[in-house]
Every structure is written in structure tokens, then in C-alpha cells.
N, C-alpha and C. Protein backbone atom coordinates (compact mmCIF):
# COMPACT_ATOMS: atom_id res chain seq x y z
N UNK A 1 128.12 179.13 162.79
CA UNK A 1 129.07 178.62 163.63
C UNK A 1 128.31 177.35 164.47
N UNK A 2 129.01 176.13 164.62
CA UNK A 2 128.37 175.23 165.21
C UNK A 2 128.13 175.31 166.84
N UNK A 3 127.32 174.57 167.46
CA UNK A 3 127.38 174.46 168.87
C UNK A 3 128.08 173.83 169.72
N UNK A 4 128.67 174.56 170.84
CA UNK A 4 129.79 173.73 171.70
C UNK A 4 129.28 172.49 171.96
N UNK A 5 130.24 171.33 172.40
CA UNK A 5 130.02 170.04 172.64
C UNK A 5 130.67 169.86 173.89
N UNK A 6 129.72 169.55 174.82
CA UNK A 6 130.07 169.12 176.36
C UNK A 6 129.69 167.53 176.44
N UNK A 7 130.41 167.03 177.49
CA UNK A 7 130.14 165.58 177.71
C UNK A 7 129.15 165.25 178.59
N UNK A 8 128.67 164.19 178.69
CA UNK A 8 127.40 164.08 179.71
C UNK A 8 128.12 163.63 181.03
N UNK A 9 127.46 163.75 181.92
CA UNK A 9 127.86 162.78 183.39
C UNK A 9 127.80 161.57 183.40
N UNK A 10 128.89 160.86 183.54
CA UNK A 10 128.76 159.53 183.97
C UNK A 10 128.98 158.98 185.29
N UNK A 11 128.12 158.19 185.89
CA UNK A 11 128.20 157.20 187.40
C UNK A 11 127.80 156.06 186.87
N UNK A 12 128.83 155.10 187.25
CA UNK A 12 128.71 153.57 187.36
C UNK A 12 127.63 153.28 188.25
N UNK A 13 126.92 152.18 187.95
CA UNK A 13 126.16 151.75 188.77
C UNK A 13 126.35 150.45 189.57
N UNK A 14 125.48 149.79 190.42
CA UNK A 14 125.74 148.64 191.18
C UNK A 14 125.94 147.47 189.99
N UNK A 15 125.59 147.36 188.72
CA UNK A 15 125.51 146.42 187.98
C UNK A 15 126.70 146.37 186.91
N UNK A 16 127.75 147.37 187.23
CA UNK A 16 128.70 147.56 186.33
C UNK A 16 128.45 148.37 184.97
N UNK A 17 127.12 149.08 184.71
CA UNK A 17 126.97 149.86 183.61
C UNK A 17 126.96 151.46 183.93
N UNK A 18 126.60 152.07 183.03
CA UNK A 18 126.73 153.53 183.15
C UNK A 18 125.45 154.00 183.31
N UNK A 19 125.15 155.14 184.06
CA UNK A 19 123.99 155.95 184.18
C UNK A 19 124.74 157.61 183.53
N UNK A 20 123.83 157.47 182.45
CA UNK A 20 124.37 158.96 182.02
C UNK A 20 123.68 160.24 182.25
N UNK A 21 124.13 161.29 182.91
CA UNK A 21 122.96 162.49 183.11
C UNK A 21 123.41 163.60 182.41
N UNK A 22 122.59 164.85 182.78
CA UNK A 22 122.54 165.74 181.77
C UNK A 22 123.84 166.98 182.69
N UNK A 23 124.78 167.63 182.14
CA UNK A 23 125.58 168.40 182.78
C UNK A 23 124.64 169.86 183.20
N UNK A 24 123.72 169.91 182.41
CA UNK A 24 122.84 171.07 182.79
C UNK A 24 121.56 171.00 182.69
N UNK A 25 120.70 171.98 183.21
CA UNK A 25 119.24 172.01 182.85
C UNK A 25 118.57 172.37 181.60
N UNK A 26 117.64 171.72 180.96
CA UNK A 26 117.53 172.20 179.81
C UNK A 26 116.39 171.28 179.21
N UNK A 27 116.16 171.08 177.97
CA UNK A 27 115.61 170.28 177.29
C UNK A 27 116.38 169.58 176.01
N UNK A 28 116.41 168.18 176.43
CA UNK A 28 117.31 167.39 175.55
C UNK A 28 116.44 166.85 174.36
N UNK A 29 117.02 166.85 173.16
CA UNK A 29 116.49 166.26 171.93
C UNK A 29 117.65 165.75 171.14
N UNK A 30 117.19 165.03 170.25
CA UNK A 30 117.92 164.36 169.26
C UNK A 30 118.94 163.26 169.79
N UNK A 31 118.62 162.44 170.84
CA UNK A 31 119.30 161.76 171.40
C UNK A 31 119.40 160.31 170.67
N UNK A 32 120.48 159.25 171.02
CA UNK A 32 120.41 158.16 170.24
C UNK A 32 119.60 157.23 170.81
N UNK A 33 118.89 156.36 169.78
CA UNK A 33 117.85 155.50 169.79
C UNK A 33 118.37 154.28 170.70
N UNK A 34 117.33 153.65 171.49
CA UNK A 34 117.72 152.59 172.32
C UNK A 34 118.48 151.44 171.28
N UNK A 35 119.19 150.92 171.85
CA UNK A 35 120.43 149.87 171.25
C UNK A 35 121.35 150.51 170.33
N UNK A 36 121.53 151.78 170.45
CA UNK A 36 122.58 152.27 169.62
C UNK A 36 123.99 151.95 170.26
N UNK A 37 125.01 151.28 169.58
CA UNK A 37 126.28 151.69 170.12
C UNK A 37 126.94 152.72 169.77
N UNK A 38 127.43 153.24 171.24
CA UNK A 38 128.11 154.60 171.79
C UNK A 38 129.35 154.45 172.55
N UNK A 39 130.35 155.38 172.32
CA UNK A 39 131.54 155.39 172.56
C UNK A 39 131.81 156.70 173.00
N UNK A 40 133.08 156.78 173.74
CA UNK A 40 133.91 158.29 173.78
C UNK A 40 133.48 159.19 172.59
N UNK A 41 133.04 160.28 172.73
CA UNK A 41 132.74 161.22 171.89
C UNK A 41 131.71 161.19 171.03
N UNK A 42 130.57 160.28 170.76
CA UNK A 42 129.49 159.84 170.22
C UNK A 42 128.58 160.87 170.37
N UNK A 43 127.74 161.48 169.40
CA UNK A 43 126.61 162.26 169.81
C UNK A 43 125.73 161.66 170.67
N UNK A 44 125.49 162.45 171.60
CA UNK A 44 124.52 162.10 172.64
C UNK A 44 123.27 163.18 172.64
N UNK A 45 123.00 163.64 171.66
CA UNK A 45 121.83 164.79 171.33
C UNK A 45 122.34 166.23 171.63
N UNK A 46 121.23 166.73 172.05
CA UNK A 46 121.51 168.53 171.84
C UNK A 46 120.61 168.77 173.08
N UNK A 47 121.02 169.59 173.77
CA UNK A 47 120.53 170.34 175.17
C UNK A 47 120.24 171.73 174.70
N UNK A 48 118.93 172.30 174.65
CA UNK A 48 118.56 173.39 174.84
C UNK A 48 118.35 174.16 176.03
N UNK A 49 118.78 175.60 176.09
CA UNK A 49 118.74 176.23 177.20
C UNK A 49 118.60 177.64 176.92
N UNK A 50 116.97 178.22 177.10
CA UNK A 50 116.60 179.28 176.21
C UNK A 50 116.86 179.42 174.97
N UNK A 51 117.62 180.22 174.39
CA UNK A 51 118.18 180.58 173.07
C UNK A 51 119.48 179.73 172.55
N UNK A 52 119.94 179.02 173.66
CA UNK A 52 121.14 178.45 173.43
C UNK A 52 121.00 177.10 172.77
N UNK A 53 121.93 175.97 172.19
CA UNK A 53 121.93 174.81 171.94
C UNK A 53 123.33 174.49 172.40
N UNK A 54 123.52 173.38 172.74
CA UNK A 54 124.52 172.44 173.13
C UNK A 54 124.75 171.42 172.80
N UNK A 55 125.40 170.63 172.05
CA UNK A 55 125.70 169.17 171.90
C UNK A 55 126.34 168.38 173.10
N UNK A 56 125.94 167.46 172.92
CA UNK A 56 126.30 166.58 174.01
C UNK A 56 126.87 165.22 173.48
N UNK A 57 127.87 165.01 174.24
CA UNK A 57 128.86 163.77 173.70
C UNK A 57 128.86 162.73 174.93
N UNK A 58 128.85 161.45 174.47
CA UNK A 58 129.41 160.50 175.45
C UNK A 58 130.68 160.76 175.84
N UNK A 59 130.91 160.91 177.17
CA UNK A 59 132.26 161.20 177.99
C UNK A 59 133.21 159.86 177.61
N UNK A 60 134.51 160.07 177.78
CA UNK A 60 135.65 159.18 177.73
C UNK A 60 135.56 157.97 178.93
N UNK A 61 135.90 156.94 178.57
CA UNK A 61 135.31 155.86 179.57
C UNK A 61 134.29 155.00 179.17
N UNK A 62 133.30 155.32 178.56
CA UNK A 62 132.02 154.90 178.38
C UNK A 62 131.91 154.35 177.16
N UNK A 63 131.54 153.40 177.06
CA UNK A 63 131.19 152.18 175.62
C UNK A 63 130.09 151.52 175.98
N UNK A 64 129.11 151.33 175.19
CA UNK A 64 128.20 150.35 175.39
C UNK A 64 126.90 150.85 174.48
N UNK A 65 125.96 150.11 174.79
CA UNK A 65 124.57 150.29 174.03
C UNK A 65 123.47 151.09 174.94
N UNK A 66 122.56 152.06 174.35
CA UNK A 66 121.78 152.91 174.75
C UNK A 66 120.58 152.01 175.33
N UNK A 67 120.32 151.97 176.42
CA UNK A 67 119.27 150.97 177.26
C UNK A 67 117.85 151.94 177.24
N UNK A 68 117.95 153.00 177.56
CA UNK A 68 116.68 153.89 177.82
C UNK A 68 116.57 155.30 177.54
N UNK A 69 116.69 155.60 176.13
CA UNK A 69 116.60 156.81 175.88
C UNK A 69 115.17 157.45 175.59
N UNK A 70 114.45 156.83 175.51
CA UNK A 70 112.87 157.44 175.41
C UNK A 70 112.79 157.39 173.91
N UNK A 71 111.60 158.08 173.44
CA UNK A 71 111.29 158.16 172.19
C UNK A 71 112.19 159.26 171.49
N UNK A 72 112.46 158.95 170.09
CA UNK A 72 113.52 159.67 169.67
C UNK A 72 112.73 161.30 169.08
N UNK A 73 111.40 160.97 168.75
CA UNK A 73 110.81 162.31 168.27
C UNK A 73 110.12 162.98 169.26
N UNK A 74 110.58 163.15 170.74
CA UNK A 74 110.25 163.82 171.67
C UNK A 74 111.48 164.78 172.24
N UNK A 75 111.13 165.73 172.58
CA UNK A 75 112.14 166.84 173.37
C UNK A 75 111.82 166.13 175.08
N UNK A 76 112.92 166.18 176.22
CA UNK A 76 112.54 165.82 177.17
C UNK A 76 113.33 167.01 178.43
N UNK A 77 112.57 167.51 179.16
CA UNK A 77 113.17 168.19 180.25
C UNK A 77 113.79 167.49 180.88
N UNK A 78 115.24 167.98 181.37
CA UNK A 78 115.98 167.37 182.03
C UNK A 78 116.70 168.29 183.07
N UNK A 79 116.88 167.67 184.23
CA UNK A 79 117.55 168.70 185.34
C UNK A 79 118.90 168.52 185.34
N UNK A 80 120.00 169.26 186.06
CA UNK A 80 121.09 168.84 186.12
C UNK A 80 121.56 167.48 187.23
N UNK A 81 122.37 166.65 186.41
CA UNK A 81 122.59 165.47 187.20
C UNK A 81 121.62 164.34 187.18
């Protein structure tokens, strides 16, 4: 059985780009590398919460290149939003 997929939260910023935020608290891993081209439905990593894992996806209306995902070999604790 595969993990459910949920979209990241997207907020436009003053430069006309999007800031993507976590939809839940957890540990984010397997995120796309800096420079990756992403669009709606593209994989955006995995969010772990205790023993649950949720696949993350780029939300509708967002297309562009990743500019600051962090090191790909690290899991990163994230807060909601």
C-alpha cells in the first residue's frame, strides 16, 4: 500500500514567486534538489509523522525551479505552514 499524497501549501511572495510550506508538522525527506523543475503534481518529498509517512506534491498553479530545498541527504524537521 502506498502512502497518501497531499499538496504543499503555496503562498505567493512579493517577487512573484511561490513559497511552499508544509501542510503538517513532521520530518521532511526525499525533497527535490535545488534547480529541479517542478509543476502541479510533481513529487515534493515525504513527510514522516511518528509511524506515518505521507507523500508531498507540488500544488495546482505552481510551476518553477526549486531554489532552496537544502541538502538532499538530510531529513528536515518542519512545522505547519
